[in-house]
Amino acid sequence: MLDKTDERDLYCFIAADNSQIVGSIFFSRLDFENGIDSFILAPVAVHSDHQGKGIGKALIDYGLSELKKRGASVALTYGDPAFYNQVGFRSISSETVKAPFTLSQPEGWLGQSLSGDSIEALSGKCTCVEALSDPRYW
């Protein structure tokens, strides 16, 4: 992902323990026809020895805060609603916010507004960065 994505379209945040990386998250830009500044959270990874300690949630909270400071309007993700609901993501329909590809598990399409505006305003074709531009991921 790092070598295939323009640095303006990607944010990476890490958690470290004694100089060892124990977790990381990536937010990459999603482009919509209406120009809303949007990012998708993927992937999220925490080393198995450090899971269940809140590291992933802390990273996501920090990353969302940074995106908001940098002017992003919407954050989306595609994953387990039970986990992502804990950090403010809510289910959205692919009719409301079109995904870059057909979703194999539409219940995992989640989003949250970072601006206070409704995410229902997202419309039109959506494209993702090259590293995520494979229908098998969706």
C-alpha atoms as a PDB file:
ATOM      1  CA  MET A   1       0.000   0.000   0.000  1.00  0.00           C
ATOM      2  CA  LEU A   2       2.794   2.415   0.871  1.00  0.00           C
ATOM      3  CA  ASP A   3       4.607   2.069  -2.430  1.00  0.00           C
ATOM      4  CA  LYS A   4       1.452   2.271  -4.579  1.00  0.00           C
ATOM      5  CA  THR A   5      -0.246   5.284  -3.004  1.00  0.00           C
ATOM      6  CA  ASP A   6       0.513   8.988  -3.311  1.00  0.00           C
ATOM      7  CA  GLU A   7       1.487  10.335   0.114  1.00  0.00           C
ATOM      8  CA  ARG A   8      -1.312  12.938  -0.109  1.00  0.00           C
ATOM      9  CA  ASP A   9      -3.844  10.098  -0.299  1.00  0.00           C
ATOM     10  CA  LEU A  10      -2.620   7.996   2.625  1.00  0.00           C
ATOM     11  CA  TYR A  11      -2.258   8.329   6.378  1.00  0.00           C
ATOM     12  CA  CYS A  12      -0.601   5.657   8.486  1.00  0.00           C
ATOM     13  CA  PHE A  13      -0.601   5.625  12.285  1.00  0.00           C
ATOM     14  CA  ILE A  14       1.306   3.161  14.448  1.00  0.00           C
ATOM     15  CA  ALA A  15       1.393   2.042  18.074  1.00  0.00           C
ATOM     16  CA  ALA A  16       4.733   1.000  19.528  1.00  0.00           C
ATOM     17  CA  ASP A  17       5.846  -0.787  22.679  1.00  0.00           C
ATOM     18  CA  ASN A  18       9.541  -0.461  23.528  1.00  0.00           C
ATOM     19  CA  SER A  19      10.348   0.619  19.964  1.00  0.00           C
ATOM     20  CA  GLN A  20       8.495  -2.374  18.496  1.00  0.00           C
ATOM     21  CA  ILE A  21       5.507  -1.694  16.267  1.00  0.00           C
ATOM     22  CA  VAL A  22       2.525  -3.511  17.774  1.00  0.00           C
ATOM     23  CA  GLY A  23      -0.272  -1.994  15.716  1.00  0.00           C
ATOM     24  CA  SER A  24      -0.964   0.061  12.638  1.00  0.00           C
ATOM     25  CA  ILE A  25      -3.861   1.538  10.744  1.00  0.00           C
ATOM     26  CA  PHE A  26      -4.145   3.096   7.309  1.00  0.00           C
ATOM     27  CA  PHE A  27      -6.598   5.639   5.973  1.00  0.00           C
ATOM     28  CA  SER A  28      -6.580   6.057   2.198  1.00  0.00           C
ATOM     29  CA  ARG A  29      -8.527   8.514   0.112  1.00  0.00           C
ATOM     30  CA  LEU A  30     -11.825   7.629  -1.526  1.00  0.00           C
ATOM     31  CA  ASP A  31     -12.840   9.908  -4.374  1.00  0.00           C
ATOM     32  CA  PHE A  32     -16.507  10.653  -4.969  1.00  0.00           C
ATOM     33  CA  GLU A  33     -17.900  12.608  -7.903  1.00  0.00           C
ATOM     34  CA  ASN A  34     -19.253  15.276  -5.551  1.00  0.00           C
ATOM     35  CA  GLY A  35     -15.756  16.006  -4.180  1.00  0.00           C
ATOM     36  CA  ILE A  36     -16.411  15.197  -0.500  1.00  0.00           C
ATOM     37  CA  ASP A  37     -13.063  14.684   1.282  1.00  0.00           C
ATOM     38  CA  SER A  38     -13.401  11.010   2.303  1.00  0.00           C
ATOM     39  CA  PHE A  39     -11.087   8.278   3.537  1.00  0.00           C
ATOM     40  CA  ILE A  40     -11.431   4.552   4.099  1.00  0.00           C
ATOM     41  CA  LEU A  41      -9.928   2.845   7.126  1.00  0.00           C
ATOM     42  CA  ALA A  42      -8.175  -0.322   5.924  1.00  0.00           C
ATOM     43  CA  PRO A  43      -6.293  -2.214   7.062  1.00  0.00           C
ATOM     44  CA  VAL A  44      -6.231  -2.268  10.858  1.00  0.00           C
ATOM     45  CA  ALA A  45      -3.669  -4.610  12.395  1.00  0.00           C
ATOM     46  CA  VAL A  46      -2.609  -5.302  15.986  1.00  0.00           C
ATOM     47  CA  HIS A  47      -0.030  -7.951  16.852  1.00  0.00           C
ATOM     48  CA  SER A  48      -1.739 -10.991  18.396  1.00  0.00           C
ATOM     49  CA  ASP A  49       0.246 -10.605  21.651  1.00  0.00           C
ATOM     50  CA  HIS A  50      -1.243  -7.135  22.092  1.00  0.00           C
ATOM     51  CA  GLN A  51      -4.849  -7.698  21.034  1.00  0.00           C
ATOM     52  CA  GLY A  52      -7.653  -7.083  23.508  1.00  0.00           C
ATOM     53  CA  LYS A  53      -5.813  -4.182  25.161  1.00  0.00           C
ATOM     54  CA  GLY A  54      -7.581  -1.355  23.346  1.00  0.00           C
ATOM     55  CA  ILE A  55      -4.681  -0.594  21.006  1.00  0.00           C
ATOM     56  CA  GLY A  56      -6.752  -0.860  17.836  1.00  0.00           C
ATOM     57  CA  LYS A  57      -9.510   1.356  19.238  1.00  0.00           C
ATOM     58  CA  ALA A  58      -6.987   3.935  20.461  1.00  0.00           C
ATOM     59  CA  LEU A  59      -5.295   4.013  17.061  1.00  0.00           C
ATOM     60  CA  ILE A  60      -8.613   4.441  15.275  1.00  0.00           C
ATOM     61  CA  ASP A  61      -9.741   7.207  17.649  1.00  0.00           C
ATOM     62  CA  TYR A  62      -6.433   8.992  17.127  1.00  0.00           C
ATOM     63  CA  GLY A  63      -6.566   8.548  13.357  1.00  0.00           C
ATOM     64  CA  LEU A  64     -10.132   9.851  13.125  1.00  0.00           C
ATOM     65  CA  SER A  65      -9.149  12.878  15.204  1.00  0.00           C
ATOM     66  CA  GLU A  66      -6.208  13.569  12.877  1.00  0.00           C
ATOM     67  CA  LEU A  67      -8.376  13.224   9.769  1.00  0.00           C
ATOM     68  CA  LYS A  68     -10.862  15.677  11.231  1.00  0.00           C
ATOM     69  CA  LYS A  69      -8.070  18.181  12.009  1.00  0.00           C
ATOM     70  CA  ARG A  70      -6.881  17.862   8.410  1.00  0.00           C
ATOM     71  CA  GLY A  71     -10.308  18.677   7.008  1.00  0.00           C
ATOM     72  CA  ALA A  72     -11.674  15.259   6.052  1.00  0.00           C
ATOM     73  CA  SER A  73     -15.468  15.077   6.060  1.00  0.00           C
ATOM     74  CA  VAL A  74     -16.202  11.350   6.080  1.00  0.00           C
ATOM     75  CA  ALA A  75     -14.516   8.149   7.225  1.00  0.00           C
ATOM     76  CA  LEU A  76     -15.650   4.783   5.890  1.00  0.00           C
ATOM     77  CA  THR A  77     -14.586   1.230   6.574  1.00  0.00           C
ATOM     78  CA  TYR A  78     -15.559  -2.265   5.534  1.00  0.00           C
ATOM     79  CA  GLY A  79     -15.432  -4.787   8.345  1.00  0.00           C
ATOM     80  CA  ASP A  80     -17.004  -6.179  11.507  1.00  0.00           C
ATOM     81  CA  PRO A  81     -19.816  -3.883  12.672  1.00  0.00           C
ATOM     82  CA  ALA A  82     -19.523  -5.177  16.259  1.00  0.00           C
ATOM     83  CA  PHE A  83     -15.960  -3.843  16.463  1.00  0.00           C
ATOM     84  CA  TYR A  84     -16.240  -0.666  14.402  1.00  0.00           C
ATOM     85  CA  ASN A  85     -19.474   0.458  16.099  1.00  0.00           C
ATOM     86  CA  GLN A  86     -17.352   0.869  19.249  1.00  0.00           C
ATOM     87  CA  VAL A  87     -15.396   3.670  17.568  1.00  0.00           C
ATOM     88  CA  GLY A  88     -18.329   5.540  16.060  1.00  0.00           C
ATOM     89  CA  PHE A  89     -18.894   3.813  12.725  1.00  0.00           C
ATOM     90  CA  ARG A  90     -22.476   3.014  11.749  1.00  0.00           C
ATOM     91  CA  SER A  91     -23.963   0.831   9.045  1.00  0.00           C
ATOM     92  CA  ILE A  92     -24.662   2.572   5.770  1.00  0.00           C
ATOM     93  CA  SER A  93     -26.231   1.208   2.647  1.00  0.00           C
ATOM     94  CA  SER A  94     -24.324   0.905  -0.586  1.00  0.00           C
ATOM     95  CA  GLU A  95     -27.207   2.824  -2.168  1.00  0.00           C
ATOM     96  CA  THR A  96     -26.545   5.768   0.170  1.00  0.00           C
ATOM     97  CA  VAL A  97     -22.772   5.635  -0.219  1.00  0.00           C
ATOM     98  CA  LYS A  98     -21.621   3.640  -3.210  1.00  0.00           C
ATOM     99  CA  ALA A  99     -18.575   1.449  -2.587  1.00  0.00           C
ATOM    100  CA  PRO A 100     -15.815   1.253  -5.214  1.00  0.00           C
ATOM    101  CA  PHE A 101     -16.828  -2.357  -5.965  1.00  0.00           C
ATOM    102  CA  THR A 102     -19.795  -4.622  -5.260  1.00  0.00           C
ATOM    103  CA  LEU A 103     -19.738  -5.587  -1.576  1.00  0.00           C
ATOM    104  CA  SER A 104     -19.678  -9.299  -0.764  1.00  0.00           C
ATOM    105  CA  GLN A 105     -20.869  -8.529   2.790  1.00  0.00           C
ATOM    106  CA  PRO A 106     -22.901  -5.302   2.632  1.00  0.00           C
ATOM    107  CA  GLU A 107     -23.531  -5.363   6.388  1.00  0.00           C
ATOM    108  CA  GLY A 108     -19.842  -4.509   6.834  1.00  0.00           C
ATOM    109  CA  TRP A 109     -20.062  -1.191   4.943  1.00  0.00           C
ATOM    110  CA  LEU A 110     -19.758   1.422   7.692  1.00  0.00           C
ATOM    111  CA  GLY A 111     -19.196   5.137   7.944  1.00  0.00           C
ATOM    112  CA  GLN A 112     -19.146   8.194  10.130  1.00  0.00           C
ATOM    113  CA  SER A 113     -19.235  11.905   9.534  1.00  0.00           C
ATOM    114  CA  LEU A 114     -16.217  13.870  10.711  1.00  0.00           C
ATOM    115  CA  SER A 115     -17.813  17.225   9.923  1.00  0.00           C
ATOM    116  CA  GLY A 116     -21.206  16.894  11.573  1.00  0.00           C
ATOM    117  CA  ASP A 117     -22.934  16.798   8.179  1.00  0.00           C
ATOM    118  CA  SER A 118     -24.920  13.809   7.021  1.00  0.00           C
ATOM    119  CA  ILE A 119     -22.960  11.218   5.100  1.00  0.00           C
ATOM    120  CA  GLU A 120     -26.051  10.716   2.976  1.00  0.00           C
ATOM    121  CA  ALA A 121     -24.739  13.589   0.850  1.00  0.00           C
ATOM    122  CA  LEU A 122     -22.182  11.260  -0.767  1.00  0.00           C
ATOM    123  CA  SER A 123     -23.215  10.347  -4.258  1.00  0.00           C
ATOM    124  CA  GLY A 124     -21.921   9.288  -7.604  1.00  0.00           C
ATOM    125  CA  LYS A 125     -19.109   6.999  -8.578  1.00  0.00           C
ATOM    126  CA  CYS A 126     -16.534   6.151  -5.907  1.00  0.00           C
ATOM    127  CA  THR A 127     -12.912   5.243  -6.603  1.00  0.00           C
ATOM    128  CA  CYS A 128     -10.255   4.031  -4.191  1.00  0.00           C
ATOM    129  CA  VAL A 129      -6.466   4.010  -4.241  1.00  0.00           C
ATOM    130  CA  GLU A 130      -4.773   1.442  -6.471  1.00  0.00           C
ATOM    131  CA  ALA A 131      -3.741  -0.786  -3.549  1.00  0.00           C
ATOM    132  CA  LEU A 132      -7.425  -1.403  -2.686  1.00  0.00           C
ATOM    133  CA  SER A 133      -8.669  -1.453  -6.266  1.00  0.00           C
ATOM    134  CA  ASP A 134      -9.310  -5.188  -6.456  1.00  0.00           C
ATOM    135  CA  PRO A 135     -12.862  -6.597  -6.303  1.00  0.00           C
ATOM    136  CA  ARG A 136     -11.614  -9.527  -4.188  1.00  0.00           C
ATOM    137  CA  TYR A 137     -11.102  -7.154  -1.240  1.00  0.00           C
ATOM    138  CA  TRP A 138     -14.699  -6.064  -1.337  1.00  0.00           C
END
